[in-house]
Amino acid sequence: MGNTSKKLAAKCTLLTRDEQKYVAATFRTASKNSERIREEDLIVSGKLDAVSLQKFWGPQMDPRLAQYLTNFLFGSGQQKAQSVDFNRFAELYVFNVRGTVEERLIATYNCLGMDYSEEAELPYQLLKEYCESIVSTYIKMVKGGAGGGAGGGAGGGTCAARGARWLEKGFRAGASQVQALGEAAAASAAPDLDAPHHVCSASQLTKWLQSNILLRQLAELVFETLYGVRRADDAPAPHPAAPSLIPAPDGLEAMPDYPAFTDLSHVVWINSHLPQQHRHRWRFLFSTHIHGESFSTMTGRIIDQGPSIVIVEDSSGYIFGGYAPASWAFGPAFAGSDESFLFTCAPRMRVYPATGYNDHYQYLNHHTKTLPNGLLMGGQFNFGAIWVPAEPFGSGASAESCSTYRGYRRLSKEPTFHIRSLEVWGVGDKPKLDKDEDERDTSILDANPEAKAILDMAGRTRHSEGLREQPPL
């Protein structure tokens, strides 16, 4: 880094030492080695010059986000500045990556061309488009290799590599689904997710920014990439977040033409709500398109596989499912914990967390005469949020109401439906079963103490004693 970058970095105390060198290098490129970035470096004839922007912020950037960022840097209307210094340029990064709630609120208002005050209200449509622009930029970066001219940010390479594996298997990142993910990120700013709303107050936006982990993770990855900031592998994240919003897909390697019915945006949406320790990997367990419509086959492939997600597509194109925090197992009682949640992916993306009112999170049974045979998540027998009967497999039902999950609305288009597609994925690492360890360290003689005693009395040696593997440390 040249002397100009060193002088610039020394002027901003908001940045860490590692951040200073990267942000200063990006600023130097954008400003053409001067101490200020001029408006004409980004804007030509009052319109966004995408070609100029691409020189240092990358072709993957959504044009709307580019305009929002210039609003923050230069202002709008009569307050518009002709140029900005390094500190203002650095503020945009810091506020979005690790800013306080108030700083992030200021950044949101300024990006949308407004000054922040406790009385100022934001039009909801503007907020939705702002969220869509961040989501769109993130997906574009993943599809384009997470580069972004100045260099891949923290987790960028991981996101790109994992995203490429999903894309190769047919999990597209369609524009309509990217838009739906942006809408879902914005929807929680309103008290009622499904009620029409036109403006958002500052207090509503404050609560929204405090609780919206997905948007924060997306913004962090986007701005680290735009500013070329590379975090060391052992460096802590600015906030507790998963290393990537995209999990590694395991188990699809032998299937070059996987019949995917979900989208990469759906994967990001579901994965962002999983417990952090399970977000790094999805393990393919079952698909009706691959293994056929067989309840026995499905249960044989999902039992004892640890936490999992069930994803269903009905014949109307509605896509929904649930997170099962416990291993599936046959039994007469419900299992799971309040980490369980239900979700929808199409036509809209929503999540319904557990209420704690009851513990009817997951149930599985087959070949019983006195209890229902099938897979159930939430609610009561015959009135489940997700009910997949064992016979005839291929049908399903979703109740109108379910006290197990907060804010619940029927997941499928109709109360009863035909299953067009059904998948089950294990999430996180495959659990190590206790019986595997026991079997490794036992022999026939261990299970028959009388035979051992007879051999000892006869003075016979048990040769297998000295051949056992040492237990792992």
Protein backbone atom coordinates (compact mmCIF):
# COMPACT_ATOMS: atom_id res chain seq x y z
CA MET A 1 0.00 0.00 0.00
CA GLY A 2 1.41 3.41 -0.95
CA ASN A 3 1.90 6.49 1.20
CA THR A 4 -1.46 7.92 0.11
CA SER A 5 -3.32 4.90 1.50
CA LYS A 6 -1.36 5.04 4.76
CA LYS A 7 -2.21 8.71 5.25
CA LEU A 8 -5.87 8.02 4.52
CA ALA A 9 -6.04 5.09 6.92
CA ALA A 10 -4.51 7.18 9.70
CA LYS A 11 -7.39 9.65 9.42
CA CYS A 12 -10.12 7.17 10.39
CA THR A 13 -10.22 5.72 13.90
CA LEU A 14 -13.46 3.81 13.23
CA LEU A 15 -11.59 1.06 11.39
CA THR A 16 -9.47 -1.69 12.86
CA ARG A 17 -5.86 -1.88 11.73
CA ASP A 18 -6.60 -4.75 9.35
CA GLU A 19 -9.64 -2.96 7.92
CA GLN A 20 -7.70 0.26 7.37
CA LYS A 21 -5.40 -1.13 4.72
CA TYR A 22 -8.19 -2.71 2.69
CA VAL A 23 -10.65 0.19 2.89
CA ALA A 24 -7.89 2.70 2.13
CA ALA A 25 -6.80 0.70 -0.92
CA THR A 26 -10.39 0.63 -2.23
CA PHE A 27 -10.76 4.37 -1.61
CA ARG A 28 -7.52 5.09 -3.41
CA THR A 29 -8.72 3.14 -6.47
CA ALA A 30 -12.11 4.86 -6.49
CA SER A 31 -10.68 8.37 -5.96
CA LYS A 32 -7.83 7.88 -8.43
CA ASN A 33 -5.21 8.42 -5.72
CA SER A 34 -6.72 11.65 -4.38
CA GLU A 35 -8.00 12.38 -0.88
CA ARG A 36 -11.64 12.78 -1.92
CA ILE A 37 -14.10 10.90 -4.11
CA ARG A 38 -15.96 13.20 -6.47
CA GLU A 39 -19.57 12.73 -7.43
CA GLU A 40 -18.65 12.53 -11.09
CA ASP A 41 -16.52 9.48 -10.33
CA LEU A 42 -19.78 7.66 -9.63
CA ILE A 43 -22.50 9.69 -11.36
CA VAL A 44 -22.62 10.93 -14.96
CA SER A 45 -25.25 13.48 -16.11
CA GLY A 46 -27.30 12.87 -13.00
CA LYS A 47 -27.71 9.17 -13.77
CA LEU A 48 -25.99 6.16 -12.33
CA ASP A 49 -22.96 5.23 -14.38
CA ALA A 50 -22.86 1.46 -13.91
CA VAL A 51 -19.70 1.12 -15.99
CA SER A 52 -17.81 3.53 -13.75
CA LEU A 53 -19.12 1.81 -10.64
CA GLN A 54 -18.06 -1.59 -11.90
CA LYS A 55 -14.43 -0.50 -12.04
CA PHE A 56 -14.02 -0.95 -8.31
CA TRP A 57 -17.29 -2.24 -6.83
CA GLY A 58 -17.82 -5.10 -9.23
CA PRO A 59 -20.36 -5.98 -11.91
CA GLN A 60 -22.37 -8.06 -9.43
CA MET A 61 -23.69 -4.99 -7.63
CA ASP A 62 -27.41 -4.32 -7.89
CA PRO A 63 -27.93 -0.87 -9.54
CA ARG A 64 -30.45 0.10 -6.86
CA LEU A 65 -27.93 -0.52 -4.09
CA ALA A 66 -25.36 1.53 -5.99
CA GLN A 67 -27.78 4.47 -5.98
CA TYR A 68 -28.54 4.01 -2.27
CA LEU A 69 -24.84 4.07 -1.43
CA THR A 70 -24.27 7.26 -3.39
CA ASN A 71 -27.22 8.77 -1.50
CA PHE A 72 -25.40 8.03 1.75
CA LEU A 73 -22.05 9.32 0.51
CA PHE A 74 -23.14 12.49 -1.30
CA GLY A 75 -26.65 13.17 -0.03
CA SER A 76 -29.56 14.16 -2.24
CA GLY A 77 -31.39 17.27 -3.39
CA GLN A 78 -29.94 20.65 -2.42
CA GLN A 79 -27.83 19.01 0.30
CA LYS A 80 -25.88 16.98 -2.25
CA ALA A 81 -22.09 17.25 -1.94
CA GLN A 82 -19.71 17.20 -4.87
CA SER A 83 -17.16 14.99 -3.11
CA VAL A 84 -16.60 13.08 0.14
CA ASP A 85 -13.56 12.32 2.24
CA PHE A 86 -12.20 9.04 3.50
CA ASN A 87 -14.02 9.23 6.84
CA ARG A 88 -17.45 9.37 5.21
CA PHE A 89 -16.46 6.53 2.90
CA ALA A 90 -15.36 4.46 5.91
CA GLU A 91 -18.53 5.26 7.86
CA LEU A 92 -20.64 3.58 5.21
CA TYR A 93 -18.68 0.39 5.76
CA VAL A 94 -18.53 0.53 9.55
CA PHE A 95 -22.22 1.40 10.04
CA ASN A 96 -23.35 -1.53 7.91
CA VAL A 97 -20.86 -4.17 9.09
CA ARG A 98 -20.63 -3.60 12.84
CA GLY A 99 -22.49 -0.42 13.62
CA THR A 100 -24.81 0.09 16.57
CA VAL A 101 -28.55 -0.05 15.99
CA GLU A 102 -28.66 3.75 15.84
CA GLU A 103 -25.79 3.88 13.33
CA ARG A 104 -27.44 1.27 11.14
CA LEU A 105 -30.71 3.22 11.40
CA ILE A 106 -28.93 6.39 10.26
CA ALA A 107 -27.33 4.49 7.38
CA THR A 108 -30.71 3.11 6.27
CA TYR A 109 -32.40 6.53 6.33
CA ASN A 110 -29.48 8.22 4.55
CA CYS A 111 -29.28 5.52 1.87
CA LEU A 112 -32.97 6.07 1.15
CA GLY A 113 -32.44 9.82 0.83
CA MET A 114 -33.82 10.83 4.22
CA ASP A 115 -32.47 12.32 7.43
CA TYR A 116 -32.97 10.25 10.55
CA SER A 117 -35.09 11.51 13.43
CA GLU A 118 -37.33 9.81 15.96
CA GLU A 119 -40.37 11.27 14.22
CA ALA A 120 -39.33 10.39 10.66
CA GLU A 121 -41.23 7.54 9.00
CA LEU A 122 -39.92 5.43 6.13
CA PRO A 123 -42.22 4.36 3.30
CA TYR A 124 -42.42 0.58 3.50
CA GLN A 125 -42.04 0.20 -0.25
CA LEU A 126 -38.67 1.99 -0.09
CA LEU A 127 -37.55 -0.25 2.78
CA LYS A 128 -38.57 -3.36 0.85
CA GLU A 129 -36.63 -2.29 -2.23
CA TYR A 130 -33.60 -1.51 -0.05
CA CYS A 131 -33.68 -5.06 1.38
CA GLU A 132 -34.18 -6.52 -2.09
CA SER A 133 -31.12 -4.62 -3.36
CA ILE A 134 -28.94 -6.09 -0.60
CA VAL A 135 -30.25 -9.62 -1.20
CA SER A 136 -29.85 -9.24 -4.96
CA THR A 137 -26.26 -8.02 -4.58
CA TYR A 138 -25.41 -10.91 -2.27
CA ILE A 139 -26.82 -13.51 -4.70
CA LYS A 140 -25.11 -11.82 -7.64
CA MET A 141 -21.80 -11.97 -5.77
CA VAL A 142 -22.29 -15.65 -5.01
CA LYS A 143 -23.22 -16.46 -8.61
CA GLY A 144 -20.32 -14.37 -9.90
CA GLY A 145 -17.71 -15.93 -7.65
CA ALA A 146 -18.10 -13.53 -4.69
CA GLY A 147 -15.43 -11.32 -6.21
CA GLY A 148 -16.69 -7.78 -6.43
CA GLY A 149 -13.80 -5.89 -8.07
CA ALA A 150 -11.96 -4.92 -4.90
CA GLY A 151 -11.69 -8.51 -3.76
CA GLY A 152 -13.72 -11.16 -1.98
CA GLY A 153 -14.72 -10.28 1.55
CA ALA A 154 -14.94 -12.42 4.65
CA GLY A 155 -16.66 -15.67 3.83
CA GLY A 156 -16.96 -14.61 0.19
CA GLY A 157 -14.94 -17.52 -1.14
CA THR A 158 -16.85 -19.95 1.06
CA CYS A 159 -20.20 -18.58 -0.09
CA ALA A 160 -19.12 -18.73 -3.73
CA ALA A 161 -17.82 -22.29 -3.50
CA ARG A 162 -20.89 -23.57 -1.69
CA GLY A 163 -23.23 -21.56 -3.88
CA ALA A 164 -21.59 -22.98 -7.02
CA ARG A 165 -22.23 -26.53 -5.79
CA TRP A 166 -25.95 -25.82 -5.30
CA LEU A 167 -26.21 -24.05 -8.65
CA GLU A 168 -24.51 -26.96 -10.42
CA LYS A 169 -27.20 -29.29 -9.10
CA GLY A 170 -30.05 -27.19 -10.44
CA PHE A 171 -30.87 -25.02 -7.44
CA ARG A 172 -31.31 -21.80 -9.39
CA ALA A 173 -31.28 -18.31 -7.94
CA GLY A 174 -34.31 -16.97 -9.78
CA ALA A 175 -35.09 -13.24 -9.78
CA SER A 176 -38.58 -13.76 -8.33
CA GLN A 177 -37.21 -15.80 -5.43
CA VAL A 178 -34.46 -13.26 -4.75
CA GLN A 179 -37.19 -10.62 -4.62
CA ALA A 180 -39.23 -12.82 -2.25
CA LEU A 181 -36.24 -13.17 0.07
CA GLY A 182 -35.85 -9.39 0.14
CA GLU A 183 -39.55 -9.00 0.91
CA ALA A 184 -39.26 -11.50 3.76
CA ALA A 185 -36.34 -9.56 5.24
CA ALA A 186 -38.38 -6.35 5.17
CA ALA A 187 -41.72 -7.81 6.29
CA SER A 188 -40.70 -8.22 9.92
CA ALA A 189 -40.50 -4.40 10.26
CA ALA A 190 -44.30 -4.37 10.55
CA PRO A 191 -46.27 -5.66 13.56
CA ASP A 192 -48.26 -8.06 11.36
CA LEU A 193 -46.25 -9.91 8.70
CA ASP A 194 -49.26 -10.37 6.44
CA ALA A 195 -51.20 -7.15 6.97
CA PRO A 196 -50.82 -4.26 4.49
CA HIS A 197 -48.58 -1.49 5.79
CA HIS A 198 -47.41 1.70 4.17
CA VAL A 199 -44.95 3.38 6.55
CA CYS A 200 -42.57 2.27 9.30
CA SER A 201 -41.81 4.39 12.36
CA ALA A 202 -38.33 4.82 13.80
CA SER A 203 -39.27 2.70 16.83
CA GLN A 204 -40.50 -0.12 14.58
CA LEU A 205 -37.29 0.05 12.54
CA THR A 206 -35.19 -0.03 15.71
CA LYS A 207 -36.84 -3.27 16.86
CA TRP A 208 -36.54 -4.63 13.31
CA LEU A 209 -32.80 -3.96 13.12
CA GLN A 210 -32.25 -5.47 16.56
CA SER A 211 -33.93 -8.75 15.64
CA ASN A 212 -33.23 -9.14 11.91
CA ILE A 213 -30.15 -11.35 11.96
CA LEU A 214 -30.55 -12.38 8.31
CA LEU A 215 -30.34 -8.83 6.96
CA ARG A 216 -27.37 -8.10 9.20
CA GLN A 217 -25.48 -11.13 7.94
CA LEU A 218 -26.27 -10.26 4.32
CA ALA A 219 -25.16 -6.65 4.76
CA GLU A 220 -21.96 -7.71 6.51
CA LEU A 221 -20.95 -10.04 3.69
CA VAL A 222 -21.95 -7.57 0.96
CA PHE A 223 -20.04 -4.61 2.40
CA GLU A 224 -16.96 -6.63 3.30
CA THR A 225 -16.86 -7.75 -0.33
CA LEU A 226 -17.50 -4.26 -1.74
CA TYR A 227 -14.75 -2.77 0.40
CA GLY A 228 -12.32 -5.61 -0.26
CA VAL A 229 -11.97 -6.46 3.43
CA ARG A 230 -10.51 -9.90 4.01
CA ARG A 231 -10.86 -11.18 7.54
CA ALA A 232 -8.26 -13.65 8.77
CA ASP A 233 -9.55 -17.19 9.26
CA ASP A 234 -9.13 -16.96 13.05
CA ALA A 235 -10.47 -13.40 13.37
CA PRO A 236 -13.79 -13.05 15.22
CA ALA A 237 -16.85 -11.93 13.30
CA PRO A 238 -18.27 -8.45 14.05
CA HIS A 239 -21.29 -10.20 15.54
CA PRO A 240 -22.23 -13.84 16.33
CA ALA A 241 -23.04 -15.23 12.90
CA ALA A 242 -22.61 -18.38 10.91
CA PRO A 243 -19.48 -18.53 8.77
CA SER A 244 -21.70 -18.63 5.69
CA LEU A 245 -25.37 -18.21 4.89
CA ILE A 246 -25.04 -21.05 2.40
CA PRO A 247 -24.44 -24.59 3.71
CA ALA A 248 -22.30 -27.19 1.98
CA PRO A 249 -24.54 -29.74 0.19
CA ASP A 250 -23.44 -33.32 0.91
CA GLY A 251 -24.76 -36.41 -0.83
CA LEU A 252 -25.54 -35.02 -4.29
CA GLU A 253 -22.16 -35.80 -5.85
CA ALA A 254 -23.38 -38.93 -7.68
CA MET A 255 -26.44 -37.17 -9.13
CA PRO A 256 -25.49 -34.87 -12.01
CA ASP A 257 -29.13 -34.13 -12.88
CA TYR A 258 -30.76 -33.61 -9.51
CA PRO A 259 -34.48 -32.70 -9.83
CA ALA A 260 -34.35 -29.60 -7.64
CA PHE A 261 -37.66 -27.91 -6.88
CA THR A 262 -36.27 -25.38 -4.39
CA ASP A 263 -34.18 -22.29 -5.09
CA LEU A 264 -30.85 -21.07 -3.72
CA SER A 265 -32.77 -18.23 -2.04
CA HIS A 266 -34.89 -20.85 -0.26
CA VAL A 267 -31.73 -22.52 1.03
CA VAL A 268 -30.45 -19.18 2.39
CA TRP A 269 -33.84 -18.43 4.00
CA ILE A 270 -34.19 -21.79 5.76
CA ASN A 271 -30.53 -22.02 6.74
CA SER A 272 -30.51 -18.58 8.36
CA HIS A 273 -33.08 -19.77 10.92
CA LEU A 274 -31.32 -22.99 11.91
CA PRO A 275 -29.28 -23.18 15.12
CA GLN A 276 -25.83 -21.85 14.29
CA GLN A 277 -24.06 -25.17 14.90
CA HIS A 278 -26.08 -26.82 12.10
CA ARG A 279 -25.81 -24.16 9.36
CA HIS A 280 -22.55 -25.28 7.78
CA ARG A 281 -23.79 -28.50 6.12
CA TRP A 282 -26.96 -30.06 4.67
CA ARG A 283 -26.85 -33.85 4.19
CA PHE A 284 -29.17 -35.22 1.51
CA LEU A 285 -31.29 -38.04 2.96
CA PHE A 286 -34.44 -38.57 0.89
CA SER A 287 -36.29 -37.36 -2.20
CA THR A 288 -39.49 -38.70 -3.71
CA HIS A 289 -37.99 -37.99 -7.15
CA ILE A 290 -34.93 -40.13 -6.42
CA HIS A 291 -36.18 -42.82 -4.03
CA GLY A 292 -39.84 -43.07 -5.04
CA GLU A 293 -43.06 -42.47 -3.13
CA SER A 294 -42.52 -44.94 -0.32
CA PHE A 295 -43.06 -44.16 3.36
CA SER A 296 -40.94 -47.18 4.38
CA THR A 297 -38.05 -46.03 2.20
CA MET A 298 -38.27 -42.50 3.57
CA THR A 299 -38.30 -43.57 7.21
CA GLY A 300 -35.44 -45.98 6.64
CA ARG A 301 -33.31 -43.13 5.33
CA ILE A 302 -34.15 -40.45 7.91
CA ILE A 303 -34.19 -42.35 11.22
CA ASP A 304 -31.21 -41.71 13.56
CA GLN A 305 -29.81 -38.97 11.29
CA GLY A 306 -29.87 -36.13 13.80
CA PRO A 307 -31.62 -32.78 13.27
CA SER A 308 -33.27 -32.44 9.87
CA ILE A 309 -35.53 -30.36 7.69
CA VAL A 310 -38.53 -31.65 5.78
CA ILE A 311 -39.45 -29.73 2.61
CA VAL A 312 -42.74 -30.34 0.76
CA GLU A 313 -44.11 -29.01 -2.51
CA ASP A 314 -47.82 -29.47 -3.07
CA SER A 315 -49.55 -29.78 -6.43
CA SER A 316 -50.33 -26.04 -6.41
CA GLY A 317 -46.66 -25.09 -6.19
CA TYR A 318 -46.69 -24.11 -2.51
CA ILE A 319 -43.35 -24.99 -0.87
CA PHE A 320 -43.17 -25.39 2.91
CA GLY A 321 -41.70 -27.55 5.64
CA GLY A 322 -40.32 -27.77 9.13
CA TYR A 323 -37.15 -28.11 11.19
CA ALA A 324 -37.01 -31.22 13.39
CA PRO A 325 -34.36 -30.68 16.10
CA ALA A 326 -34.33 -34.33 17.23
CA SER A 327 -33.50 -37.48 15.30
CA TRP A 328 -36.56 -39.08 13.77
CA ALA A 329 -37.54 -42.31 15.55
CA PHE A 330 -40.64 -44.49 15.69
CA GLY A 331 -42.61 -44.03 18.88
CA PRO A 332 -45.99 -43.32 20.45
CA ALA A 333 -45.05 -39.85 21.73
CA PHE A 334 -43.96 -36.52 20.29
CA ALA A 335 -40.27 -35.63 20.30
CA GLY A 336 -38.18 -32.54 19.63
CA SER A 337 -37.70 -29.20 21.39
CA ASP A 338 -38.75 -25.57 21.13
CA GLU A 339 -35.93 -25.01 18.61
CA SER A 340 -38.36 -26.50 16.09
CA PHE A 341 -39.99 -24.17 13.58
CA LEU A 342 -42.10 -24.30 10.44
CA PHE A 343 -41.45 -22.31 7.28
CA THR A 344 -42.84 -21.45 3.88
CA CYS A 345 -40.77 -20.71 0.76
CA ALA A 346 -43.44 -20.16 -1.88
CA PRO A 347 -45.47 -18.18 -2.63
CA ARG A 348 -43.92 -16.19 0.25
CA MET A 349 -41.11 -16.80 2.70
CA ARG A 350 -42.22 -16.92 6.33
CA VAL A 351 -41.07 -18.66 9.52
CA TYR A 352 -43.26 -19.79 12.42
CA PRO A 353 -41.29 -20.39 15.67
CA ALA A 354 -42.45 -22.53 18.58
CA THR A 355 -44.89 -21.02 21.07
CA GLY A 356 -44.05 -23.34 23.97
CA TYR A 357 -47.78 -23.94 24.42
CA ASN A 358 -47.24 -27.66 23.82
CA ASP A 359 -44.40 -29.96 22.77
CA HIS A 360 -45.99 -31.47 19.65
CA TYR A 361 -42.94 -30.82 17.48
CA GLN A 362 -42.39 -34.10 15.65
CA TYR A 363 -44.01 -37.53 15.56
CA LEU A 364 -43.30 -40.63 13.47
CA ASN A 365 -44.95 -44.02 13.46
CA HIS A 366 -45.56 -46.96 11.14
CA HIS A 367 -47.27 -50.36 11.30
CA THR A 368 -49.21 -49.62 14.49
CA LYS A 369 -52.87 -50.40 15.10
CA THR A 370 -53.75 -48.01 17.91
CA LEU A 371 -51.93 -44.83 16.82
CA PRO A 372 -51.83 -42.84 13.57
CA ASN A 373 -49.22 -44.01 11.09
CA GLY A 374 -47.33 -41.21 9.42
CA LEU A 375 -45.13 -38.15 9.94
CA LEU A 376 -46.54 -35.20 11.87
CA MET A 377 -45.16 -31.78 12.82
CA GLY A 378 -47.22 -29.54 15.13
CA GLY A 379 -50.81 -29.63 16.31
CA GLN A 380 -52.82 -32.72 17.17
CA PHE A 381 -53.40 -36.07 15.50
CA ASN A 382 -55.62 -35.52 12.46
CA PHE A 383 -55.08 -31.74 12.79
CA GLY A 384 -51.35 -31.34 12.20
CA ALA A 385 -49.54 -28.39 10.68
CA ILE A 386 -47.78 -30.94 8.46
CA TRP A 387 -49.28 -34.42 8.21
CA VAL A 388 -47.91 -37.03 5.80
CA PRO A 389 -49.75 -40.33 6.24
CA ALA A 390 -47.94 -43.60 5.72
CA GLU A 391 -50.79 -44.96 3.60
CA PRO A 392 -51.49 -43.81 1.03
CA PHE A 393 -48.15 -42.08 0.74
CA GLY A 394 -48.30 -39.13 -1.60
CA SER A 395 -51.11 -37.24 0.09
CA GLY A 396 -50.89 -34.73 2.92
CA ALA A 397 -52.76 -32.24 5.07
CA SER A 398 -52.12 -28.90 6.77
CA ALA A 399 -54.47 -27.65 9.49
CA GLU A 400 -56.08 -24.21 9.53
CA SER A 401 -54.65 -23.44 12.98
CA CYS A 402 -51.82 -24.82 15.10
CA SER A 403 -51.05 -23.72 18.67
CA THR A 404 -47.57 -25.29 18.54
CA TYR A 405 -46.16 -22.49 16.35
CA ARG A 406 -46.52 -18.71 16.70
CA GLY A 407 -48.28 -16.78 13.95
CA TYR A 408 -49.08 -19.99 12.12
CA ARG A 409 -51.16 -19.97 8.95
CA ARG A 410 -52.01 -23.00 6.82
CA LEU A 411 -48.89 -23.97 4.88
CA SER A 412 -50.43 -25.61 1.80
CA LYS A 413 -52.86 -23.96 -0.58
CA GLU A 414 -55.65 -26.37 0.34
CA PRO A 415 -56.24 -28.20 3.66
CA THR A 416 -55.52 -31.53 1.95
CA PHE A 417 -53.05 -31.76 -0.88
CA HIS A 418 -51.15 -34.04 -3.21
CA ILE A 419 -47.39 -34.17 -2.70
CA ARG A 420 -45.57 -33.16 -5.85
CA SER A 421 -42.14 -33.29 -4.19
CA LEU A 422 -40.80 -34.16 -0.75
CA GLU A 423 -37.23 -33.94 0.51
CA VAL A 424 -35.53 -34.55 3.83
CA TRP A 425 -32.10 -33.13 4.64
CA GLY A 426 -30.01 -33.79 7.71
CA VAL A 427 -28.43 -30.55 8.96
CA GLY A 428 -25.02 -30.23 10.56
CA ASP A 429 -22.65 -33.14 11.05
CA LYS A 430 -23.96 -36.69 11.10
CA PRO A 431 -24.41 -37.81 14.71
CA LYS A 432 -22.22 -40.55 16.08
CA LEU A 433 -24.43 -43.31 17.42
CA ASP A 434 -23.61 -44.81 20.80
CA LYS A 435 -24.21 -48.32 19.50
CA ASP A 436 -21.43 -47.87 16.93
CA GLU A 437 -18.91 -47.20 19.71
CA ASP A 438 -20.21 -50.10 21.79
CA GLU A 439 -19.97 -52.53 18.88
CA ARG A 440 -16.40 -51.49 18.11
CA ASP A 441 -15.23 -52.23 21.63
CA THR A 442 -17.08 -55.51 22.35
CA SER A 443 -16.72 -59.15 21.36
CA ILE A 444 -18.87 -62.27 21.64
CA LEU A 445 -17.12 -63.15 24.90
CA ASP A 446 -17.98 -59.75 26.38
CA ALA A 447 -21.63 -60.58 25.88
CA ASN A 448 -21.22 -64.08 27.43
CA PRO A 449 -19.52 -63.86 30.84
CA GLU A 450 -20.09 -67.58 31.54
CA ALA A 451 -17.99 -68.54 28.50
CA LYS A 452 -15.22 -66.20 29.69
CA ALA A 453 -15.23 -67.80 33.14
CA ILE A 454 -14.96 -71.33 31.68
CA LEU A 455 -11.99 -70.34 29.53
CA ASP A 456 -10.28 -68.72 32.51
CA MET A 457 -10.75 -71.85 34.67
CA ALA A 458 -9.32 -74.01 31.86
CA GLY A 459 -6.30 -71.73 31.47
CA ARG A 460 -7.16 -70.96 27.86
CA THR A 461 -6.08 -67.62 26.38
CA ARG A 462 -8.60 -65.25 24.83
CA HIS A 463 -6.58 -64.24 21.77
CA SER A 464 -8.88 -61.40 20.80
CA GLU A 465 -7.97 -59.51 24.00
CA GLY A 466 -4.68 -58.33 22.57
CA LEU A 467 -6.06 -57.54 19.14
CA ARG A 468 -8.59 -54.91 20.06
CA GLU A 469 -8.21 -51.41 18.69
CA GLN A 470 -7.38 -48.77 21.23
CA PRO A 471 -10.28 -46.43 21.89
CA PRO A 472 -9.89 -42.98 20.29
CA LEU A 473 -8.36 -40.33 22.46
